[in-house]
Amino acid sequence: MITSAQELTEIADELPQKLQNEWSSFKEEVIKESERLKKKTNASKEKLSKEEINKEDSIQIQIDNLRSKVIDINKDIEGRY
């Protein structure tokens, strides 16, 4: 029973760091993908019709909104630790 309690305590102590590491990895992936899509969008806008440009703009707005949410969540998480 004591061993189980110690193991549980160790897991609880490590959890915030693991969560922060996973969160950092997720943020990096989102940022990289956003940058990749932004470059692709900028390069292809010259070739697109007006309708396609509107669709690409809509996608970029969604990406920007996701980026904003990630930043807000990150601030909340970092504020707790």
N, C-alpha and C. Protein backbone atom coordinates (compact mmCIF):
# COMPACT_ATOMS: atom_id res chain seq x y z
N MET A 1 0.83 -1.19 0.00
CA MET A 1 0.00 0.00 0.00
C MET A 1 0.88 1.25 0.00
N ILE A 2 1.93 1.24 0.80
CA ILE A 2 2.83 2.39 0.87
C ILE A 2 3.52 2.59 -0.48
N THR A 3 3.93 1.50 -1.11
CA THR A 3 4.58 1.59 -2.42
C THR A 3 3.63 2.18 -3.45
N SER A 4 2.40 1.76 -3.42
CA SER A 4 1.40 2.29 -4.35
C SER A 4 1.19 3.78 -4.13
N ALA A 5 1.15 4.19 -2.89
CA ALA A 5 0.98 5.60 -2.58
C ALA A 5 2.19 6.41 -3.06
N GLN A 6 3.38 5.86 -2.90
CA GLN A 6 4.58 6.55 -3.37
C GLN A 6 4.59 6.66 -4.90
N GLU A 7 4.19 5.58 -5.56
CA GLU A 7 4.13 5.60 -7.03
C GLU A 7 3.11 6.63 -7.51
N LEU A 8 1.98 6.68 -6.85
CA LEU A 8 0.94 7.64 -7.20
C LEU A 8 1.44 9.07 -6.99
N THR A 9 2.17 9.30 -5.92
CA THR A 9 2.73 10.62 -5.64
C THR A 9 3.74 11.01 -6.72
N GLU A 10 4.57 10.07 -7.13
CA GLU A 10 5.55 10.34 -8.18
C GLU A 10 4.86 10.68 -9.50
N ILE A 11 3.83 9.94 -9.82
CA ILE A 11 3.08 10.20 -11.05
C ILE A 11 2.44 11.58 -10.99
N ALA A 12 1.85 11.89 -9.86
CA ALA A 12 1.21 13.20 -9.70
C ALA A 12 2.22 14.34 -9.80
N ASP A 13 3.43 14.11 -9.29
CA ASP A 13 4.48 15.13 -9.37
C ASP A 13 4.98 15.32 -10.80
N GLU A 14 5.03 14.24 -11.57
CA GLU A 14 5.54 14.31 -12.94
C GLU A 14 4.50 14.79 -13.94
N LEU A 15 3.24 14.66 -13.61
CA LEU A 15 2.16 14.98 -14.54
C LEU A 15 2.21 16.41 -15.08
N PRO A 16 2.37 17.42 -14.25
CA PRO A 16 2.41 18.79 -14.79
C PRO A 16 3.51 18.99 -15.83
N GLN A 17 4.69 18.43 -15.59
CA GLN A 17 5.79 18.58 -16.54
C GLN A 17 5.48 17.84 -17.84
N LYS A 18 4.93 16.65 -17.72
CA LYS A 18 4.58 15.89 -18.92
C LYS A 18 3.51 16.63 -19.72
N LEU A 19 2.53 17.17 -19.03
CA LEU A 19 1.47 17.92 -19.69
C LEU A 19 2.05 19.14 -20.39
N GLN A 20 2.93 19.84 -19.73
CA GLN A 20 3.54 21.02 -20.34
C GLN A 20 4.39 20.63 -21.55
N ASN A 21 5.12 19.53 -21.47
CA ASN A 21 5.91 19.07 -22.61
C ASN A 21 5.02 18.71 -23.80
N GLU A 22 3.95 17.98 -23.53
CA GLU A 22 3.02 17.62 -24.60
C GLU A 22 2.37 18.87 -25.20
N TRP A 23 2.01 19.81 -24.34
CA TRP A 23 1.38 21.05 -24.80
C TRP A 23 2.36 21.83 -25.68
N SER A 24 3.62 21.90 -25.30
CA SER A 24 4.63 22.60 -26.08
C SER A 24 4.81 21.93 -27.45
N SER A 25 4.83 20.63 -27.46
CA SER A 25 4.95 19.90 -28.73
C SER A 25 3.75 20.18 -29.63
N PHE A 26 2.58 20.16 -29.04
CA PHE A 26 1.37 20.44 -29.82
C PHE A 26 1.41 21.85 -30.40
N LYS A 27 1.80 22.82 -29.58
CA LYS A 27 1.88 24.20 -30.06
C LYS A 27 2.84 24.32 -31.23
N GLU A 28 4.00 23.70 -31.10
CA GLU A 28 4.99 23.75 -32.17
C GLU A 28 4.44 23.15 -33.46
N GLU A 29 3.75 22.04 -33.36
CA GLU A 29 3.16 21.40 -34.54
C GLU A 29 2.11 22.30 -35.18
N VAL A 30 1.28 22.92 -34.36
CA VAL A 30 0.24 23.81 -34.89
C VAL A 30 0.88 25.01 -35.59
N ILE A 31 1.89 25.59 -34.98
CA ILE A 31 2.56 26.75 -35.56
C ILE A 31 3.23 26.38 -36.88
N LYS A 32 3.93 25.25 -36.91
CA LYS A 32 4.59 24.81 -38.14
C LYS A 32 3.58 24.58 -39.25
N GLU A 33 2.49 23.92 -38.92
CA GLU A 33 1.46 23.65 -39.94
C GLU A 33 0.83 24.94 -40.41
N SER A 34 0.59 25.84 -39.51
CA SER A 34 0.02 27.14 -39.87
C SER A 34 0.95 27.90 -40.81
N GLU A 35 2.23 27.89 -40.51
CA GLU A 35 3.21 28.57 -41.36
C GLU A 35 3.29 27.91 -42.74
N ARG A 36 3.24 26.58 -42.75
CA ARG A 36 3.29 25.86 -44.02
C ARG A 36 2.08 26.22 -44.88
N LEU A 37 0.91 26.22 -44.27
CA LEU A 37 -0.31 26.56 -45.01
C LEU A 37 -0.30 28.02 -45.46
N LYS A 38 0.23 28.88 -44.62
CA LYS A 38 0.29 30.29 -44.99
C LYS A 38 1.19 30.50 -46.21
N LYS A 39 2.35 29.83 -46.22
CA LYS A 39 3.26 29.92 -47.36
C LYS A 39 2.58 29.38 -48.62
N LYS A 40 1.92 28.25 -48.47
CA LYS A 40 1.23 27.63 -49.60
C LYS A 40 0.13 28.56 -50.11
N THR A 41 -0.60 29.15 -49.20
CA THR A 41 -1.69 30.06 -49.57
C THR A 41 -1.15 31.28 -50.31
N ASN A 42 -0.09 31.86 -49.77
CA ASN A 42 0.49 33.05 -50.40
C ASN A 42 1.02 32.74 -51.79
N ALA A 43 1.65 31.59 -51.95
CA ALA A 43 2.21 31.21 -53.24
C ALA A 43 1.12 30.92 -54.27
N SER A 44 0.01 30.37 -53.81
CA SER A 44 -1.02 29.97 -54.76
C SER A 44 -2.07 31.05 -55.01
N LYS A 45 -2.10 32.11 -54.20
CA LYS A 45 -3.12 33.14 -54.38
C LYS A 45 -3.03 33.79 -55.76
N GLU A 46 -1.84 33.90 -56.28
CA GLU A 46 -1.67 34.52 -57.59
C GLU A 46 -2.35 33.70 -58.68
N LYS A 47 -2.48 32.42 -58.48
CA LYS A 47 -3.02 31.52 -59.49
C LYS A 47 -4.51 31.23 -59.31
N LEU A 48 -5.10 31.67 -58.22
CA LEU A 48 -6.46 31.27 -57.88
C LEU A 48 -7.51 32.24 -58.41
N SER A 49 -8.69 31.71 -58.63
CA SER A 49 -9.83 32.54 -58.97
C SER A 49 -10.35 33.23 -57.71
N LYS A 50 -11.24 34.17 -57.89
CA LYS A 50 -11.80 34.90 -56.76
C LYS A 50 -12.48 33.97 -55.76
N GLU A 51 -13.23 33.01 -56.24
CA GLU A 51 -13.93 32.06 -55.37
C GLU A 51 -12.93 31.24 -54.56
N GLU A 52 -11.89 30.80 -55.22
CA GLU A 52 -10.87 30.02 -54.53
C GLU A 52 -10.12 30.87 -53.49
N ILE A 53 -9.90 32.13 -53.82
CA ILE A 53 -9.24 33.03 -52.87
C ILE A 53 -10.10 33.19 -51.62
N ASN A 54 -11.41 33.34 -51.79
CA ASN A 54 -12.31 33.46 -50.64
C ASN A 54 -12.25 32.21 -49.76
N LYS A 55 -12.16 31.05 -50.41
CA LYS A 55 -12.05 29.79 -49.66
C LYS A 55 -10.73 29.74 -48.90
N GLU A 56 -9.64 30.14 -49.55
CA GLU A 56 -8.33 30.17 -48.90
C GLU A 56 -8.32 31.17 -47.75
N ASP A 57 -8.96 32.32 -47.93
CA ASP A 57 -9.05 33.32 -46.86
C ASP A 57 -9.82 32.75 -45.67
N SER A 58 -10.87 32.01 -45.96
CA SER A 58 -11.66 31.39 -44.90
C SER A 58 -10.81 30.40 -44.10
N ILE A 59 -10.01 29.62 -44.81
CA ILE A 59 -9.13 28.66 -44.14
C ILE A 59 -8.12 29.41 -43.27
N GLN A 60 -7.56 30.49 -43.81
CA GLN A 60 -6.58 31.26 -43.04
C GLN A 60 -7.22 31.86 -41.79
N ILE A 61 -8.44 32.31 -41.89
CA ILE A 61 -9.15 32.85 -40.72
C ILE A 61 -9.32 31.75 -39.67
N GLN A 62 -9.65 30.54 -40.10
CA GLN A 62 -9.79 29.43 -39.16
C GLN A 62 -8.46 29.12 -38.49
N ILE A 63 -7.38 29.16 -39.27
CA ILE A 63 -6.06 28.91 -38.71
C ILE A 63 -5.71 29.99 -37.69
N ASP A 64 -5.97 31.23 -38.04
CA ASP A 64 -5.69 32.34 -37.12
C ASP A 64 -6.50 32.20 -35.83
N ASN A 65 -7.75 31.79 -35.96
CA ASN A 65 -8.58 31.58 -34.76
C ASN A 65 -8.04 30.46 -33.89
N LEU A 66 -7.61 29.36 -34.52
CA LEU A 66 -7.02 28.26 -33.77
C LEU A 66 -5.74 28.70 -33.08
N ARG A 67 -4.91 29.44 -33.79
CA ARG A 67 -3.67 29.94 -33.20
C ARG A 67 -3.98 30.81 -31.98
N SER A 68 -4.98 31.65 -32.10
CA SER A 68 -5.37 32.51 -30.98
C SER A 68 -5.83 31.68 -29.77
N LYS A 69 -6.61 30.64 -30.04
CA LYS A 69 -7.08 29.78 -28.96
C LYS A 69 -5.92 29.04 -28.30
N VAL A 70 -4.98 28.58 -29.10
CA VAL A 70 -3.80 27.89 -28.56
C VAL A 70 -3.02 28.83 -27.66
N ILE A 71 -2.85 30.06 -28.09
CA ILE A 71 -2.13 31.06 -27.28
C ILE A 71 -2.86 31.30 -25.96
N ASP A 72 -4.19 31.45 -26.02
CA ASP A 72 -4.96 31.67 -24.79
C ASP A 72 -4.86 30.49 -23.84
N ILE A 73 -4.97 29.28 -24.36
CA ILE A 73 -4.87 28.09 -23.52
C ILE A 73 -3.48 27.99 -22.93
N ASN A 74 -2.47 28.30 -23.73
CA ASN A 74 -1.10 28.26 -23.25
C ASN A 74 -0.90 29.23 -22.09
N LYS A 75 -1.45 30.42 -22.21
CA LYS A 75 -1.34 31.40 -21.13
C LYS A 75 -1.99 30.87 -19.85
N ASP A 76 -3.16 30.23 -20.01
CA ASP A 76 -3.84 29.67 -18.84
C ASP A 76 -3.00 28.57 -18.19
N ILE A 77 -2.44 27.69 -19.02
CA ILE A 77 -1.62 26.58 -18.48
C ILE A 77 -0.37 27.11 -17.81
N GLU A 78 0.33 28.02 -18.48
CA GLU A 78 1.57 28.55 -17.90
C GLU A 78 1.29 29.35 -16.63
N GLY A 79 0.13 29.96 -16.54
CA GLY A 79 -0.24 30.71 -15.35
C GLY A 79 -0.49 29.82 -14.14
N ARG A 80 -0.80 28.57 -14.39
CA ARG A 80 -1.08 27.63 -13.30
C ARG A 80 0.18 27.00 -12.74
N TYR A 81 1.26 26.99 -13.52
CA TYR A 81 2.48 26.29 -13.09
C TYR A 81 3.58 27.27 -12.83
